[in-house]
Amino acid sequence: MASNEVLSRDFVTRLKKYTREKNREVIDPLIPELTLDAFEELVDLTAKVRGAYLKQFFYIAEHTEGDFPKGEELKKLQGMREVYEEMIAAHQALETAVERGYLTVKQG
């Protein structure tokens, strides 16, 4: 039983190493030089999308007559939410790729 645990841990260790190497091999060449400045541009874009989404939410709250928002206002908010959620997902995927060593981060 103990030897099976050792084999399992060794397998998991090798699998993680292979996964990290393969992701780095595939992803790193696809991404332009990643610097703090480049990352800041992505964070700025995400913040702008978040702000526009929240601004539309407040607009609806201020201009809704009756109990519920009108169809077009709600559709616009829904579309903005989809963009916002995609931006957040991409941002998180990038952070994960950096944290796991899939991307080369350059100084500057």
N, C-alpha and C. Protein backbone atom coordinates (compact mmCIF):
# COMPACT_ATOMS: atom_id res chain seq x y z
N MET A 1 0.81 -1.18 0.00
CA MET A 1 0.00 0.00 0.00
C MET A 1 0.86 1.26 0.00
N ALA A 2 1.90 1.25 0.81
CA ALA A 2 2.77 2.42 0.89
C ALA A 2 3.45 2.68 -0.44
N SER A 3 3.84 1.63 -1.14
CA SER A 3 4.53 1.83 -2.41
C SER A 3 3.57 2.42 -3.45
N ASN A 4 2.28 2.06 -3.38
CA ASN A 4 1.29 2.62 -4.29
C ASN A 4 1.12 4.13 -4.02
N GLU A 5 1.17 4.55 -2.77
CA GLU A 5 1.08 5.97 -2.43
C GLU A 5 2.28 6.72 -2.99
N VAL A 6 3.46 6.11 -2.87
CA VAL A 6 4.68 6.73 -3.41
C VAL A 6 4.57 6.85 -4.92
N LEU A 7 4.11 5.79 -5.57
CA LEU A 7 3.94 5.82 -7.03
C LEU A 7 2.91 6.89 -7.42
N SER A 8 1.84 6.98 -6.67
CA SER A 8 0.81 7.98 -6.97
C SER A 8 1.36 9.39 -6.84
N ARG A 9 2.09 9.66 -5.76
CA ARG A 9 2.67 10.99 -5.57
C ARG A 9 3.68 11.30 -6.66
N ASP A 10 4.48 10.30 -7.03
CA ASP A 10 5.46 10.50 -8.10
C ASP A 10 4.74 10.80 -9.41
N PHE A 11 3.67 10.07 -9.67
CA PHE A 11 2.89 10.30 -10.88
C PHE A 11 2.34 11.73 -10.91
N VAL A 12 1.76 12.15 -9.80
CA VAL A 12 1.18 13.50 -9.72
C VAL A 12 2.27 14.55 -9.91
N THR A 13 3.42 14.36 -9.30
CA THR A 13 4.53 15.29 -9.44
C THR A 13 4.97 15.38 -10.90
N ARG A 14 5.11 14.25 -11.54
CA ARG A 14 5.51 14.22 -12.96
C ARG A 14 4.43 14.85 -13.85
N LEU A 15 3.18 14.57 -13.54
CA LEU A 15 2.08 15.14 -14.32
C LEU A 15 2.06 16.66 -14.20
N LYS A 16 2.24 17.18 -13.00
CA LYS A 16 2.27 18.63 -12.82
C LYS A 16 3.44 19.25 -13.57
N LYS A 17 4.59 18.61 -13.52
CA LYS A 17 5.78 19.12 -14.23
C LYS A 17 5.52 19.12 -15.74
N TYR A 18 4.99 18.02 -16.25
CA TYR A 18 4.70 17.93 -17.68
C TYR A 18 3.67 18.99 -18.08
N THR A 19 2.62 19.15 -17.27
CA THR A 19 1.58 20.14 -17.56
C THR A 19 2.18 21.54 -17.62
N ARG A 20 3.02 21.87 -16.64
CA ARG A 20 3.65 23.20 -16.61
C ARG A 20 4.53 23.39 -17.85
N GLU A 21 5.35 22.39 -18.19
CA GLU A 21 6.25 22.51 -19.34
C GLU A 21 5.46 22.63 -20.65
N LYS A 22 4.42 21.80 -20.81
CA LYS A 22 3.64 21.82 -22.05
C LYS A 22 2.88 23.14 -22.20
N ASN A 23 2.29 23.62 -21.11
CA ASN A 23 1.58 24.91 -21.16
C ASN A 23 2.55 26.03 -21.50
N ARG A 24 3.71 26.03 -20.92
CA ARG A 24 4.70 27.06 -21.21
C ARG A 24 5.13 26.99 -22.68
N GLU A 25 5.37 25.78 -23.16
CA GLU A 25 5.79 25.56 -24.55
C GLU A 25 4.74 26.07 -25.54
N VAL A 26 3.48 25.86 -25.23
CA VAL A 26 2.40 26.23 -26.14
C VAL A 26 1.99 27.70 -25.97
N ILE A 27 1.83 28.15 -24.73
CA ILE A 27 1.27 29.48 -24.47
C ILE A 27 2.28 30.60 -24.62
N ASP A 28 3.47 30.42 -24.09
CA ASP A 28 4.45 31.51 -24.06
C ASP A 28 4.71 32.13 -25.44
N PRO A 29 4.86 31.32 -26.50
CA PRO A 29 5.10 31.94 -27.81
C PRO A 29 3.89 32.71 -28.37
N LEU A 30 2.72 32.43 -27.87
CA LEU A 30 1.50 33.08 -28.38
C LEU A 30 1.28 34.47 -27.82
N ILE A 31 1.90 34.76 -26.69
CA ILE A 31 1.64 36.00 -25.97
C ILE A 31 2.78 36.98 -26.23
N PRO A 32 2.44 38.24 -26.57
CA PRO A 32 3.51 39.22 -26.76
C PRO A 32 4.27 39.43 -25.45
N GLU A 33 5.41 40.06 -25.56
CA GLU A 33 6.25 40.28 -24.38
C GLU A 33 5.41 40.79 -23.22
N LEU A 34 5.45 40.05 -22.12
CA LEU A 34 4.62 40.40 -20.97
C LEU A 34 5.47 41.15 -19.95
N THR A 35 5.15 42.42 -19.82
CA THR A 35 5.82 43.28 -18.85
C THR A 35 4.76 43.84 -17.91
N LEU A 36 5.21 44.49 -16.87
CA LEU A 36 4.27 45.12 -15.95
C LEU A 36 3.44 46.17 -16.69
N ASP A 37 4.07 46.90 -17.61
CA ASP A 37 3.33 47.91 -18.39
C ASP A 37 2.22 47.26 -19.21
N ALA A 38 2.52 46.14 -19.85
CA ALA A 38 1.52 45.44 -20.65
C ALA A 38 0.39 44.93 -19.76
N PHE A 39 0.74 44.41 -18.60
CA PHE A 39 -0.26 43.91 -17.68
C PHE A 39 -1.14 45.06 -17.18
N GLU A 40 -0.53 46.21 -16.94
CA GLU A 40 -1.30 47.38 -16.49
C GLU A 40 -2.32 47.80 -17.53
N GLU A 41 -1.96 47.69 -18.81
CA GLU A 41 -2.92 48.02 -19.88
C GLU A 41 -4.13 47.10 -19.82
N LEU A 42 -3.89 45.82 -19.55
CA LEU A 42 -4.99 44.86 -19.45
C LEU A 42 -5.85 45.14 -18.22
N VAL A 43 -5.22 45.50 -17.13
CA VAL A 43 -5.96 45.85 -15.91
C VAL A 43 -6.79 47.11 -16.15
N ASP A 44 -6.22 48.10 -16.84
CA ASP A 44 -6.95 49.33 -17.16
C ASP A 44 -8.19 49.03 -18.00
N LEU A 45 -8.02 48.17 -19.01
CA LEU A 45 -9.14 47.81 -19.87
C LEU A 45 -10.23 47.10 -19.06
N THR A 46 -9.83 46.20 -18.20
CA THR A 46 -10.80 45.49 -17.36
C THR A 46 -11.53 46.46 -16.45
N ALA A 47 -10.83 47.42 -15.89
CA ALA A 47 -11.46 48.42 -15.02
C ALA A 47 -12.46 49.27 -15.80
N LYS A 48 -12.12 49.63 -17.04
CA LYS A 48 -13.04 50.42 -17.86
C LYS A 48 -14.32 49.65 -18.16
N VAL A 49 -14.17 48.37 -18.47
CA VAL A 49 -15.34 47.54 -18.75
C VAL A 49 -16.19 47.40 -17.49
N ARG A 50 -15.54 47.17 -16.35
CA ARG A 50 -16.26 47.07 -15.08
C ARG A 50 -17.02 48.37 -14.79
N GLY A 51 -16.35 49.49 -15.00
CA GLY A 51 -16.97 50.79 -14.76
C GLY A 51 -18.17 51.03 -15.66
N ALA A 52 -18.06 50.69 -16.93
CA ALA A 52 -19.18 50.88 -17.86
C ALA A 52 -20.37 50.01 -17.48
N TYR A 53 -20.09 48.80 -17.06
CA TYR A 53 -21.16 47.88 -16.63
C TYR A 53 -21.88 48.45 -15.41
N LEU A 54 -21.13 48.89 -14.42
CA LEU A 54 -21.73 49.46 -13.21
C LEU A 54 -22.46 50.77 -13.50
N LYS A 55 -21.90 51.57 -14.40
CA LYS A 55 -22.55 52.83 -14.78
C LYS A 55 -23.92 52.54 -15.39
N GLN A 56 -24.00 51.54 -16.26
CA GLN A 56 -25.28 51.18 -16.87
C GLN A 56 -26.27 50.68 -15.82
N PHE A 57 -25.78 49.95 -14.84
CA PHE A 57 -26.62 49.47 -13.75
C PHE A 57 -27.24 50.65 -13.00
N PHE A 58 -26.42 51.63 -12.68
CA PHE A 58 -26.93 52.81 -11.97
C PHE A 58 -27.88 53.62 -12.86
N TYR A 59 -27.57 53.70 -14.14
CA TYR A 59 -28.45 54.41 -15.07
C TYR A 59 -29.84 53.78 -15.06
N ILE A 60 -29.87 52.46 -15.12
CA ILE A 60 -31.16 51.76 -15.11
C ILE A 60 -31.91 52.04 -13.81
N ALA A 61 -31.19 51.97 -12.71
CA ALA A 61 -31.83 52.21 -11.41
C ALA A 61 -32.44 53.61 -11.33
N GLU A 62 -31.76 54.59 -11.91
CA GLU A 62 -32.24 55.97 -11.86
C GLU A 62 -33.38 56.25 -12.84
N HIS A 63 -33.44 55.50 -13.93
CA HIS A 63 -34.40 55.81 -15.00
C HIS A 63 -35.51 54.78 -15.18
N THR A 64 -35.58 53.83 -14.30
CA THR A 64 -36.62 52.81 -14.43
C THR A 64 -37.92 53.35 -13.86
N GLU A 65 -38.95 53.25 -14.68
CA GLU A 65 -40.28 53.63 -14.22
C GLU A 65 -41.03 52.34 -13.89
N GLY A 66 -41.59 52.29 -12.72
CA GLY A 66 -42.28 51.07 -12.30
C GLY A 66 -41.32 50.15 -11.57
N ASP A 67 -41.66 48.88 -11.54
CA ASP A 67 -40.89 47.92 -10.74
C ASP A 67 -39.68 47.32 -11.45
N PHE A 68 -39.71 47.25 -12.78
CA PHE A 68 -38.68 46.52 -13.51
C PHE A 68 -38.10 47.36 -14.65
N PRO A 69 -36.85 47.12 -14.99
CA PRO A 69 -36.25 47.82 -16.14
C PRO A 69 -36.93 47.42 -17.44
N LYS A 70 -36.85 48.32 -18.41
CA LYS A 70 -37.40 48.04 -19.74
C LYS A 70 -36.51 47.04 -20.49
N GLY A 71 -37.06 46.38 -21.47
CA GLY A 71 -36.37 45.34 -22.21
C GLY A 71 -35.04 45.77 -22.82
N GLU A 72 -35.01 46.90 -23.50
CA GLU A 72 -33.78 47.35 -24.16
C GLU A 72 -32.69 47.70 -23.14
N GLU A 73 -33.08 48.33 -22.06
CA GLU A 73 -32.11 48.68 -21.02
C GLU A 73 -31.50 47.42 -20.41
N LEU A 74 -32.36 46.44 -20.19
CA LEU A 74 -31.90 45.18 -19.60
C LEU A 74 -31.00 44.42 -20.58
N LYS A 75 -31.35 44.44 -21.87
CA LYS A 75 -30.52 43.78 -22.88
C LYS A 75 -29.13 44.42 -22.95
N LYS A 76 -29.10 45.74 -22.86
CA LYS A 76 -27.81 46.43 -22.89
C LYS A 76 -26.98 46.04 -21.67
N LEU A 77 -27.60 46.01 -20.50
CA LEU A 77 -26.89 45.61 -19.28
C LEU A 77 -26.41 44.17 -19.38
N GLN A 78 -27.23 43.30 -19.92
CA GLN A 78 -26.85 41.91 -20.08
C GLN A 78 -25.64 41.77 -21.00
N GLY A 79 -25.65 42.49 -22.10
CA GLY A 79 -24.51 42.46 -23.02
C GLY A 79 -23.24 42.96 -22.35
N MET A 80 -23.38 44.01 -21.57
CA MET A 80 -22.21 44.56 -20.87
C MET A 80 -21.70 43.58 -19.80
N ARG A 81 -22.63 42.86 -19.16
CA ARG A 81 -22.22 41.86 -18.18
C ARG A 81 -21.43 40.75 -18.85
N GLU A 82 -21.87 40.32 -20.02
CA GLU A 82 -21.16 39.27 -20.73
C GLU A 82 -19.74 39.71 -21.07
N VAL A 83 -19.59 40.94 -21.52
CA VAL A 83 -18.26 41.46 -21.81
C VAL A 83 -17.43 41.52 -20.53
N TYR A 84 -18.02 42.03 -19.47
CA TYR A 84 -17.33 42.13 -18.18
C TYR A 84 -16.88 40.75 -17.69
N GLU A 85 -17.79 39.77 -17.74
CA GLU A 85 -17.43 38.43 -17.26
C GLU A 85 -16.32 37.81 -18.11
N GLU A 86 -16.32 38.04 -19.40
CA GLU A 86 -15.25 37.53 -20.26
C GLU A 86 -13.92 38.18 -19.91
N MET A 87 -13.96 39.48 -19.66
CA MET A 87 -12.73 40.20 -19.30
C MET A 87 -12.17 39.67 -17.98
N ILE A 88 -13.04 39.45 -17.01
CA ILE A 88 -12.60 38.92 -15.72
C ILE A 88 -12.03 37.51 -15.89
N ALA A 89 -12.69 36.69 -16.68
CA ALA A 89 -12.20 35.32 -16.91
C ALA A 89 -10.83 35.34 -17.59
N ALA A 90 -10.67 36.21 -18.58
CA ALA A 90 -9.38 36.31 -19.27
C ALA A 90 -8.30 36.83 -18.32
N HIS A 91 -8.66 37.82 -17.51
CA HIS A 91 -7.72 38.38 -16.53
C HIS A 91 -7.27 37.29 -15.56
N GLN A 92 -8.20 36.51 -15.06
CA GLN A 92 -7.86 35.44 -14.13
C GLN A 92 -7.02 34.35 -14.80
N ALA A 93 -7.32 34.05 -16.06
CA ALA A 93 -6.54 33.06 -16.79
C ALA A 93 -5.11 33.53 -16.98
N LEU A 94 -4.94 34.82 -17.24
CA LEU A 94 -3.59 35.37 -17.38
C LEU A 94 -2.83 35.30 -16.06
N GLU A 95 -3.48 35.70 -14.98
CA GLU A 95 -2.84 35.62 -13.66
C GLU A 95 -2.42 34.18 -13.35
N THR A 96 -3.29 33.24 -13.62
CA THR A 96 -2.98 31.83 -13.38
C THR A 96 -1.79 31.39 -14.22
N ALA A 97 -1.76 31.79 -15.48
CA ALA A 97 -0.65 31.43 -16.36
C ALA A 97 0.67 31.99 -15.84
N VAL A 98 0.64 33.20 -15.33
CA VAL A 98 1.85 33.81 -14.77
C VAL A 98 2.26 33.07 -13.50
N GLU A 99 1.29 32.86 -12.60
CA GLU A 99 1.58 32.20 -11.33
C GLU A 99 2.15 30.80 -11.51
N ARG A 100 1.69 30.10 -12.53
CA ARG A 100 2.12 28.72 -12.77
C ARG A 100 3.37 28.62 -13.64
N GLY A 101 3.87 29.78 -14.07
CA GLY A 101 5.09 29.76 -14.86
C GLY A 101 4.91 29.43 -16.32
N TYR A 102 3.69 29.59 -16.84
CA TYR A 102 3.44 29.31 -18.24
C TYR A 102 3.91 30.41 -19.15
N LEU A 103 4.14 31.60 -18.60
CA LEU A 103 4.54 32.76 -19.37
C LEU A 103 5.83 33.37 -18.83
N THR A 104 6.61 33.90 -19.72
CA THR A 104 7.81 34.62 -19.33
C THR A 104 7.41 36.07 -19.03
N VAL A 105 7.74 36.52 -17.86
CA VAL A 105 7.48 37.91 -17.49
C VAL A 105 8.80 38.65 -17.52
N LYS A 106 8.83 39.74 -18.27
CA LYS A 106 10.05 40.51 -18.42
C LYS A 106 10.03 41.74 -17.53
N GLN A 107 11.18 42.18 -17.12
CA GLN A 107 11.30 43.42 -16.34
C GLN A 107 11.00 44.61 -17.23
N GLY A 108 10.40 45.64 -16.64
CA GLY A 108 10.19 46.86 -17.39
C GLY A 108 8.78 47.25 -17.54
